[in-house]
Amino acid sequence: MQIGTKQFYQSQITSMADLQSKIGRIQEEVSAGKKLLAPSDDPGAYTVADRLNQSIANMDQYNRNIGMAKSRLSQEDSVLSSVSTIVIRLNELGIQGANSTNDSTARNAIAKEMDELSQQLVALGNSVDANGDYLFAGYKGNKPPFAASVEGVSYHGDTGRKEVELAQGVSTPTSSNGLELFMNVSRKDNQSVSIFDMIKNATEALKSGTVGETTLKDLQNAVDHFSTYQAICGSRLQKVETADTTRLAQLTNAKTTLSTIQDSDLTALASELQQKSLTLQAAQSVFAKISQLSLFNFIK
């Protein structure tokens, strides 16, 4: 079968153009580091890669949420530790003040220390987080939740608890609100009273010399109350840590799968690029020599 000159030229040009196209594609993959450059390359794989990229983006947001939750809960844990130390000291002072050997001077000194500790609790109740929001104000984080006056200590926050999503369907409060923490300490008969009123009642009892069983029981209840909220805070922190561990494992798996789907094998591409470049150079060289031939070359 004879092949015409025109057909031969066209075949050679088409072959070289195809090689150039393949070399260009390899160069694009090397430059991008990816073998999926457009949905048409592999529609199924591209869809999976897109879904994995969205999942990774979501996990990045969860990472920010987890960081914020860790920060606020760690700060709450630190504040509650200080509060518990104060409340334990208040309980000790109550027991000390109930001793009948105390004279009025001793009782007044104990009452003064209790007042000072109450002021410290107000300051701790008005703690702010890393963003300057009041930790125990509920959703009213831009204003101090506690204010002291001659009438006593009042709460100006709300009952909300700021929550963040740690993973799909998993969330946690990032702190308790001041109402439940400081203003509702349980006592007998399912009643509750603020820690500040407890202290006020205790100091008045000390000054009058009538520290009774109710006062001591209230102070012990306060110790138990804040211990419970320390445990709640610790449980929330553990939940955050668990969510973070799970997120890291999922992120690693998603990135590994994504890399398998879309990342190029640069070593193999370099070898293929070199091979096809040499093939193209050889084809161009042969084509250039053949294209110079004519019937006169054979006559000579």
Foldseek 3Di string as FASTA:
>chain_A
DDDDPVRVVVVLVVVLVVLVVVLVLLVVCLVVQWNPPDCVSPVVLVVLLVVLVVVLVVLVVLVVLLVVLLQLLVLQLVLLVVLLVLLVVLLVLLVVLLPLVDDLVSLLVSLVVLVVSLVVNLVSQQDATPVRFRSAQAPRRVDRQWDQDPVWIHGDGDQHFDKDANDVVDMDGSHGHPCQLAAFQADPPRGGGGPGVLSVVSSVCSNVSNSDPRSSRSSVSNSVRSVVRSVVSVVRNVVSVVSVVVSVVVSVVSVVVSCVSIGDPSVVSVVVSVVSVVVSVVSVVVCVVVVPDDPVVVVD
